[in-house]
Amino acid sequence: MLQTGSPAPDVVLEDTDGQAVRLSDPRRDHAVLVYFMRSTTCPVCNRHVQDLVRRRDEFAAHDVRVLVAVPEDRAAAAEWKARRGIPFPVLVGRHATPHELVGLSRKVFGSLQQSGSVLIDAHGVIRHAHAATMPTGGYDRRGITAALQTLTPA
């Protein structure tokens, strides 16, 4: 898993429209928060996404763009995004799952996909990194809120 204070990895994901999203983009003028869902069918993860939706004004006030990464393919991700009315870009991997690319592996004999979150500031530095095997622990609301306070203007 990624470490707080380290540079963002040079990982390229795709949104549901096929557009590339680079976590380490040096031209970015805003911070990004990526929430890695265990699965689009995980009810706990879906509640976490709804909390992100409710907090979108708070994130916007800190100039943070929220992204949601899912382990499913682009078609399944697009269907989930439309059905749930998710206002954020939803990301998938190009050749592996987004989770694998940032070190969120499957645990407990490969049966449970880890979930977590990463906040990357406008300078490409990780300000928050959190991972959990159980979905109830995958969304660190307090940690994200504390990390928002560490952001500096671009």
Protein backbone atom coordinates (compact mmCIF):
# COMPACT_ATOMS: atom_id res chain seq x y z
CA MET A 1 0.00 0.00 0.00
CA LEU A 2 1.05 3.57 -0.55
CA GLN A 3 2.63 5.59 2.25
CA THR A 4 1.67 9.04 3.53
CA GLY A 5 4.35 11.59 2.61
CA SER A 6 5.60 9.66 -0.42
CA PRO A 7 5.16 10.71 -4.04
CA ALA A 8 2.10 9.41 -5.85
CA PRO A 9 2.87 6.36 -7.97
CA ASP A 10 2.96 6.63 -11.74
CA VAL A 11 -0.25 4.64 -12.12
CA VAL A 12 -2.58 5.17 -15.06
CA LEU A 13 -6.24 4.22 -14.69
CA GLU A 14 -9.20 4.82 -16.99
CA ASP A 15 -12.55 6.38 -16.29
CA THR A 16 -15.76 4.83 -17.59
CA ASP A 17 -15.41 6.86 -20.82
CA GLY A 18 -11.96 5.39 -21.49
CA GLN A 19 -10.08 8.58 -20.61
CA ALA A 20 -6.70 8.08 -18.92
CA VAL A 21 -6.29 9.31 -15.34
CA ARG A 22 -2.71 9.45 -14.02
CA LEU A 23 -2.39 9.51 -10.23
CA SER A 24 0.98 11.28 -10.45
CA ASP A 25 -0.12 13.89 -13.00
CA PRO A 26 2.32 16.83 -12.57
CA ARG A 27 -0.03 19.21 -14.42
CA ARG A 28 -2.86 18.77 -11.96
CA ASP A 29 -3.91 21.95 -10.14
CA HIS A 30 -6.04 20.25 -7.49
CA ALA A 31 -5.85 17.42 -4.98
CA VAL A 32 -7.53 14.08 -5.61
CA LEU A 33 -9.14 11.63 -3.24
CA VAL A 34 -9.44 8.12 -4.62
CA TYR A 35 -11.73 5.71 -2.81
CA PHE A 36 -11.04 2.09 -3.75
CA MET A 37 -14.25 0.08 -3.34
CA ARG A 38 -14.09 -3.61 -2.56
CA SER A 39 -16.79 -4.18 -5.18
CA THR A 40 -19.73 -2.30 -6.69
CA THR A 41 -21.97 -4.93 -5.07
CA CYS A 42 -20.59 -4.31 -1.57
CA PRO A 43 -23.40 -2.63 0.45
CA VAL A 44 -20.93 -1.19 2.98
CA CYS A 45 -18.76 0.30 0.22
CA ASN A 46 -21.85 1.78 -1.42
CA ARG A 47 -22.71 3.52 1.88
CA HIS A 48 -19.17 4.93 1.96
CA VAL A 49 -19.61 6.30 -1.57
CA GLN A 50 -22.88 7.92 -0.52
CA ASP A 51 -21.02 9.65 2.32
CA LEU A 52 -18.50 10.97 -0.22
CA VAL A 53 -21.41 12.27 -2.30
CA ARG A 54 -22.93 14.01 0.75
CA ARG A 55 -19.52 15.58 1.51
CA ARG A 56 -18.79 16.80 -2.03
CA ASP A 57 -19.13 20.49 -1.06
CA GLU A 58 -16.59 19.98 1.72
CA PHE A 59 -14.17 18.40 -0.76
CA ALA A 60 -14.77 21.16 -3.31
CA ALA A 61 -14.00 23.79 -0.65
CA HIS A 62 -10.55 22.18 -0.27
CA ASP A 63 -10.17 21.92 -4.09
CA VAL A 64 -10.27 18.11 -3.90
CA ARG A 65 -11.68 16.06 -6.76
CA VAL A 66 -13.15 12.72 -5.69
CA LEU A 67 -12.60 9.60 -7.79
CA VAL A 68 -14.00 6.13 -7.11
CA ALA A 69 -11.98 3.09 -8.21
CA VAL A 70 -13.69 -0.26 -8.71
CA PRO A 71 -12.27 -3.70 -9.52
CA GLU A 72 -14.91 -4.44 -12.16
CA ASP A 73 -14.50 -3.82 -15.90
CA ARG A 74 -15.45 -0.56 -17.61
CA ALA A 75 -18.94 -1.70 -18.70
CA ALA A 76 -19.91 -2.88 -15.21
CA ALA A 77 -18.44 0.29 -13.68
CA ALA A 78 -20.38 2.53 -16.09
CA GLU A 79 -23.62 0.66 -15.39
CA TRP A 80 -23.09 0.96 -11.61
CA LYS A 81 -22.26 4.67 -11.89
CA ALA A 82 -25.41 5.39 -13.93
CA ARG A 83 -27.70 3.24 -11.77
CA ARG A 84 -26.46 4.84 -8.54
CA GLY A 85 -26.22 8.39 -9.92
CA ILE A 86 -22.57 8.75 -8.88
CA PRO A 87 -21.40 12.32 -9.69
CA PHE A 88 -17.69 11.42 -9.54
CA PRO A 89 -15.50 9.82 -12.18
CA VAL A 90 -15.36 6.05 -11.71
CA LEU A 91 -12.02 4.42 -12.48
CA VAL A 92 -10.99 0.98 -13.64
CA GLY A 93 -7.61 -0.51 -14.44
CA ARG A 94 -6.20 -0.93 -17.92
CA HIS A 95 -4.37 -4.23 -17.48
CA ALA A 96 -4.97 -4.98 -13.79
CA THR A 97 -7.44 -3.79 -11.19
CA PRO A 98 -6.83 -0.31 -9.76
CA HIS A 99 -6.44 -2.03 -6.39
CA GLU A 100 -3.54 -4.21 -7.54
CA LEU A 101 -1.76 -1.20 -9.03
CA VAL A 102 -1.60 0.57 -5.65
CA GLY A 103 -0.96 -2.49 -3.50
CA LEU A 104 -4.48 -3.29 -2.31
CA SER A 105 -4.38 -7.04 -2.63
CA ARG A 106 -6.82 -9.83 -1.92
CA LYS A 107 -6.53 -11.19 1.62
CA VAL A 108 -7.86 -14.18 3.52
CA PHE A 109 -6.84 -16.82 0.96
CA GLY A 110 -7.59 -14.46 -1.92
CA SER A 111 -11.29 -14.18 -1.12
CA LEU A 112 -11.53 -10.59 0.19
CA GLN A 113 -10.52 -7.61 -1.92
CA GLN A 114 -9.02 -4.85 0.21
CA SER A 115 -10.60 -1.40 0.05
CA GLY A 116 -9.15 1.95 1.05
CA SER A 117 -8.51 5.56 0.19
CA VAL A 118 -5.66 7.78 -0.98
CA LEU A 119 -5.54 11.58 -0.87
CA ILE A 120 -2.93 13.09 -3.20
CA ASP A 121 -2.22 16.82 -2.99
CA ALA A 122 -1.78 19.09 -6.02
CA HIS A 123 2.00 18.59 -5.83
CA GLY A 124 1.69 14.82 -6.15
CA VAL A 125 2.39 13.96 -2.50
CA ILE A 126 0.26 11.41 -0.68
CA ARG A 127 -1.40 13.10 2.31
CA HIS A 128 -3.53 10.13 3.38
CA ALA A 129 -3.33 6.41 2.64
CA HIS A 130 -5.55 3.85 4.29
CA ALA A 131 -6.32 0.20 3.55
CA ALA A 132 -8.47 -2.45 5.17
CA THR A 133 -9.47 -6.02 4.48
CA MET A 134 -12.96 -5.72 5.94
CA PRO A 135 -15.19 -3.22 4.12
CA THR A 136 -16.34 -1.61 7.37
CA GLY A 137 -12.79 -0.34 7.89
CA GLY A 138 -12.05 0.66 4.30
CA TYR A 139 -13.33 4.23 4.58
CA ASP A 140 -11.38 6.27 7.10
CA ARG A 141 -13.64 9.32 7.38
CA ARG A 142 -11.69 10.87 10.26
CA GLY A 143 -8.35 10.28 8.57
CA ILE A 144 -9.56 11.87 5.34
CA THR A 145 -10.96 14.87 7.23
CA ALA A 146 -7.65 15.35 9.08
CA ALA A 147 -5.69 15.04 5.83
CA LEU A 148 -7.83 17.74 4.19
CA GLN A 149 -6.46 20.16 6.78
CA THR A 150 -2.87 19.46 5.62
CA LEU A 151 -3.48 20.55 2.04
CA THR A 152 -1.69 23.63 0.81
CA PRO A 153 -2.70 25.68 -2.21
CA ALA A 154 -1.22 24.56 -5.53
